[in-house]
């Protein structure tokens, strides 16, 4: 339908504003998806140890576990139903409450659905949570991936089966990227926020880790078909 005169210009102006907002959101997401040293924990990482827990920043859109107490989050498990099988992760909110809230929200809202494990380091880690790998990639996911999570140094050891948040070498820079250790990484202790442990499915994580890769990039990234939240053991 054609519009004429002043009304047509108004419609065009509104359309331009929507387009600009969309492009900006997409750019934010792309920047958040770019590989950086901290988002990619190495076997010999030398990130500075974090020493404080800054206040948790408010999210712009309410999510299911916003403000959830440690008691409510204790005993919660996230199941990653991947193309190779299921990985069941128990949350450890007493050690990293803000980080656990973030991960539970990512699973509960479907943000992790159809994303891939986009990085592997042989005998060390598999890394997921890059929302730009989603088949449902959108401005909303781009905005979600730009939200930061406060650093939460804790006593969780980075051993085989630990789940932890990736971050850059800047303070409070964790977003949606997470990694599962298939080998021990004691040099990560106190630098990355461990927040969970694999209860079942380590053989799936091992299979993902062993798959052919070009350096740290899997030739055929394994996709998370669906992520769900439920009480552990159910």
Protein backbone atom coordinates (compact mmCIF):
# COMPACT_ATOMS: atom_id res chain seq x y z
CA UNK A 1 0.00 0.00 0.00
CA UNK A 2 1.29 3.44 -0.96
CA UNK A 3 1.23 6.42 1.42
CA UNK A 4 1.31 10.03 0.31
CA UNK A 5 2.24 13.37 1.79
CA UNK A 6 3.11 13.83 5.43
CA UNK A 7 1.83 10.42 6.53
CA UNK A 8 4.17 8.66 4.15
CA UNK A 9 7.19 10.52 5.49
CA UNK A 10 6.18 9.62 9.05
CA UNK A 11 5.91 5.95 8.22
CA UNK A 12 9.32 6.02 6.53
CA UNK A 13 10.89 7.77 9.52
CA UNK A 14 9.54 5.17 11.94
CA UNK A 15 10.75 2.39 9.69
CA UNK A 16 14.22 3.89 9.58
CA UNK A 17 14.35 4.11 13.37
CA UNK A 18 13.34 0.45 13.70
CA UNK A 19 15.99 -0.55 11.18
CA UNK A 20 18.69 1.42 13.00
CA UNK A 21 17.78 -0.18 16.35
CA UNK A 22 17.87 -3.63 14.76
CA UNK A 23 21.26 -3.05 13.13
CA UNK A 24 22.74 -1.69 16.38
CA UNK A 25 21.50 -4.71 18.32
CA UNK A 26 22.94 -7.07 15.74
CA UNK A 27 26.29 -5.28 15.85
CA UNK A 28 26.33 -5.56 19.65
CA UNK A 29 25.76 -9.29 19.35
CA UNK A 30 28.41 -9.74 16.71
CA UNK A 31 30.94 -7.88 18.83
CA UNK A 32 30.01 -10.06 21.77
CA UNK A 33 30.53 -13.15 19.62
CA UNK A 34 34.01 -12.23 18.48
CA UNK A 35 36.64 -14.60 19.92
CA UNK A 36 38.84 -13.00 22.55
CA UNK A 37 41.55 -14.32 24.83
CA UNK A 38 39.39 -14.35 27.93
CA UNK A 39 36.33 -15.84 26.27
CA UNK A 40 38.59 -18.69 25.23
CA UNK A 41 40.34 -20.10 28.34
CA UNK A 42 43.70 -21.59 27.40
CA UNK A 43 45.76 -24.35 28.92
CA UNK A 44 48.17 -21.63 30.11
CA UNK A 45 45.85 -18.69 30.82
CA UNK A 46 47.34 -15.91 32.92
CA UNK A 47 44.26 -13.80 33.61
CA UNK A 48 44.36 -11.71 36.74
CA UNK A 49 42.56 -13.21 39.70
CA UNK A 50 39.29 -11.49 40.54
CA UNK A 51 38.85 -10.47 44.14
CA UNK A 52 35.45 -8.83 44.46
CA UNK A 53 31.81 -9.55 43.77
CA UNK A 54 30.26 -6.34 42.40
CA UNK A 55 26.50 -5.84 42.61
CA UNK A 56 24.48 -7.77 40.05
CA UNK A 57 23.25 -5.46 37.30
CA UNK A 58 19.56 -5.32 36.51
CA UNK A 59 18.40 -6.92 33.26
CA UNK A 60 16.25 -4.93 30.86
CA UNK A 61 13.74 -7.75 30.44
CA UNK A 62 12.45 -9.95 33.26
CA UNK A 63 13.44 -13.61 33.06
CA UNK A 64 12.21 -16.64 35.06
CA UNK A 65 15.06 -16.83 37.58
CA UNK A 66 15.65 -13.11 38.13
CA UNK A 67 16.02 -12.55 41.86
CA UNK A 68 15.83 -16.28 42.61
CA UNK A 69 17.19 -17.20 46.03
CA UNK A 70 20.06 -19.61 46.56
CA UNK A 71 17.55 -21.99 48.15
CA UNK A 72 15.33 -21.95 45.06
CA UNK A 73 18.26 -22.58 42.72
CA UNK A 74 19.85 -25.33 44.83
CA UNK A 75 19.08 -28.74 43.37
CA UNK A 76 18.29 -27.36 39.92
CA UNK A 77 19.80 -29.09 36.90
CA UNK A 78 20.12 -27.96 33.30
CA UNK A 79 19.95 -30.68 30.66
CA UNK A 80 21.62 -29.94 27.34
CA UNK A 81 20.04 -32.24 24.77
CA UNK A 82 22.73 -32.29 22.09
CA UNK A 83 23.07 -34.06 18.77
CA UNK A 84 25.51 -36.44 20.49
CA UNK A 85 23.36 -37.10 23.58
CA UNK A 86 22.39 -35.39 26.82
CA UNK A 87 24.60 -33.59 29.34
CA UNK A 88 23.04 -32.99 32.76
CA UNK A 89 24.59 -30.14 34.77
CA UNK A 90 23.92 -29.55 38.48
CA UNK A 91 23.90 -25.90 39.51
CA UNK A 92 26.06 -24.71 42.44
CA UNK A 93 24.39 -21.41 43.41
CA UNK A 94 25.96 -21.08 46.84
CA UNK A 95 29.29 -20.40 45.13
CA UNK A 96 28.11 -18.28 42.19
CA UNK A 97 24.49 -17.11 42.56
CA UNK A 98 24.47 -14.43 39.84
CA UNK A 99 26.19 -16.77 37.38
CA UNK A 100 23.73 -19.57 38.11
CA UNK A 101 20.76 -17.20 37.67
CA UNK A 102 22.16 -16.17 34.30
CA UNK A 103 22.65 -19.76 33.10
CA UNK A 104 19.25 -20.93 34.36
CA UNK A 105 17.64 -18.01 32.54
CA UNK A 106 19.49 -18.83 29.32
CA UNK A 107 18.18 -22.40 29.48
CA UNK A 108 14.65 -21.55 30.66
CA UNK A 109 14.06 -18.90 27.99
CA UNK A 110 15.30 -21.10 25.13
CA UNK A 111 18.28 -18.84 24.37
CA UNK A 112 20.62 -21.85 24.23
CA UNK A 113 18.36 -23.87 21.92
CA UNK A 114 19.98 -24.64 18.52
CA UNK A 115 23.32 -23.05 19.54
CA UNK A 116 26.52 -25.05 19.06
CA UNK A 117 29.67 -26.00 20.92
CA UNK A 118 31.74 -23.73 18.73
CA UNK A 119 35.17 -24.29 20.30
CA UNK A 120 37.07 -27.32 21.58
CA UNK A 121 40.56 -27.75 23.02
CA UNK A 122 41.63 -31.37 22.98
CA UNK A 123 41.61 -33.03 26.40
CA UNK A 124 40.78 -29.68 28.03
CA UNK A 125 37.43 -27.98 27.30
CA UNK A 126 34.36 -27.75 25.11
CA UNK A 127 32.85 -24.27 24.86
CA UNK A 128 29.28 -23.23 24.10
CA UNK A 129 26.94 -20.34 24.73
CA UNK A 130 27.71 -18.27 21.62
CA UNK A 131 24.16 -17.22 20.81
CA UNK A 132 25.16 -16.06 17.33
CA UNK A 133 25.43 -19.76 16.37
CA UNK A 134 21.69 -20.19 16.99
CA UNK A 135 19.40 -21.09 14.12
CA UNK A 136 17.07 -18.47 15.68
CA UNK A 137 19.70 -15.67 15.73
CA UNK A 138 17.94 -12.32 16.09
CA UNK A 139 18.28 -8.81 17.48
CA UNK A 140 16.77 -10.08 20.74
CA UNK A 141 19.46 -12.75 21.12
CA UNK A 142 22.12 -10.20 20.17
CA UNK A 143 20.94 -7.93 22.96
CA UNK A 144 20.80 -10.85 25.40
CA UNK A 145 24.36 -11.83 24.58
CA UNK A 146 25.58 -8.33 25.38
CA UNK A 147 24.43 -8.48 29.02
CA UNK A 148 27.29 -8.88 31.45
CA UNK A 149 27.50 -11.05 34.55
CA UNK A 150 29.51 -9.90 37.60
CA UNK A 151 32.70 -11.78 38.44
CA UNK A 152 32.18 -14.35 41.18
CA UNK A 153 35.51 -15.76 42.40
CA UNK A 154 34.83 -18.87 44.45
CA UNK A 155 36.27 -22.09 45.81
CA UNK A 156 35.04 -24.40 43.01
CA UNK A 157 38.01 -26.22 41.51
CA UNK A 158 38.36 -26.43 37.76
CA UNK A 159 38.57 -30.19 37.46
CA UNK A 160 37.09 -32.60 34.92
CA UNK A 161 33.32 -32.13 34.84
CA UNK A 162 33.29 -28.55 36.17
CA UNK A 163 31.18 -26.03 34.24
CA UNK A 164 32.41 -22.44 34.26
CA UNK A 165 31.78 -19.08 32.60
CA UNK A 166 34.18 -17.71 30.02
CA UNK A 167 35.15 -14.05 30.22
CA UNK A 168 37.63 -11.58 28.80
CA UNK A 169 40.54 -10.15 30.77
CA UNK A 170 38.31 -7.19 31.70
CA UNK A 171 36.40 -7.27 35.01
CA UNK A 172 32.76 -8.39 34.95
CA UNK A 173 32.86 -9.38 31.27
CA UNK A 174 31.16 -12.80 31.33
CA UNK A 175 28.06 -12.92 29.13
CA UNK A 176 26.64 -16.19 27.75
CA UNK A 177 29.77 -18.17 26.85
CA UNK A 178 30.40 -21.20 29.08
CA UNK A 179 32.77 -24.15 29.03
CA UNK A 180 32.84 -27.72 30.32
CA UNK A 181 36.17 -29.16 31.37
CA UNK A 182 37.01 -32.64 30.07
CA UNK A 183 40.42 -32.37 31.74
CA UNK A 184 41.74 -30.57 34.80
CA UNK A 185 42.53 -26.83 34.66
CA UNK A 186 43.88 -25.75 38.06
CA UNK A 187 45.35 -22.57 36.54
CA UNK A 188 41.75 -21.36 36.00
CA UNK A 189 40.89 -21.46 39.71
CA UNK A 190 40.00 -18.02 41.04
CA UNK A 191 39.99 -16.52 37.53
CA UNK A 192 36.84 -18.02 36.02
CA UNK A 193 33.56 -18.52 37.89
CA UNK A 194 32.81 -22.20 38.27
CA UNK A 195 29.05 -22.60 38.71
CA UNK A 196 28.11 -26.21 37.98
CA UNK A 197 29.23 -29.79 37.54
CA UNK A 198 28.25 -32.53 35.12
CA UNK A 199 26.19 -35.23 36.81
CA UNK A 200 25.59 -37.33 33.71
CA UNK A 201 26.83 -37.23 30.15
CA UNK A 202 30.60 -36.78 30.45
CA UNK A 203 30.93 -39.35 27.68
CA UNK A 204 28.99 -36.93 25.46
CA UNK A 205 31.32 -34.06 26.36
CA UNK A 206 34.29 -36.35 25.59
CA UNK A 207 32.84 -37.23 22.19
CA UNK A 208 32.35 -33.56 21.36
CA UNK A 209 35.92 -32.85 22.46
CA UNK A 210 37.39 -35.66 20.33
CA UNK A 211 35.58 -34.70 17.11
CA UNK A 212 37.74 -33.49 14.18
CA UNK A 213 38.61 -29.79 14.36
CA UNK A 214 40.63 -27.19 12.53
CA UNK A 215 42.69 -25.94 15.44
CA UNK A 216 40.07 -25.10 18.06
CA UNK A 217 37.17 -24.85 15.60
CA UNK A 218 35.13 -28.07 15.18
CA UNK A 219 34.71 -29.09 11.56
CA UNK A 220 31.09 -30.02 12.33
CA UNK A 221 30.01 -28.20 15.51
CA UNK A 222 27.65 -30.20 17.71
CA UNK A 223 24.35 -28.44 18.23
CA UNK A 224 22.34 -28.15 21.46
CA UNK A 225 18.89 -29.13 20.27
CA UNK A 226 17.22 -27.98 23.49
CA UNK A 227 18.14 -26.87 27.00
CA UNK A 228 15.73 -27.48 29.90
CA UNK A 229 15.64 -26.76 33.64
CA UNK A 230 14.31 -29.25 36.21
CA UNK A 231 15.01 -30.53 39.68
CA UNK A 232 18.04 -32.83 39.63
CA UNK A 233 17.12 -36.49 39.60
CA UNK A 234 13.76 -36.02 37.90
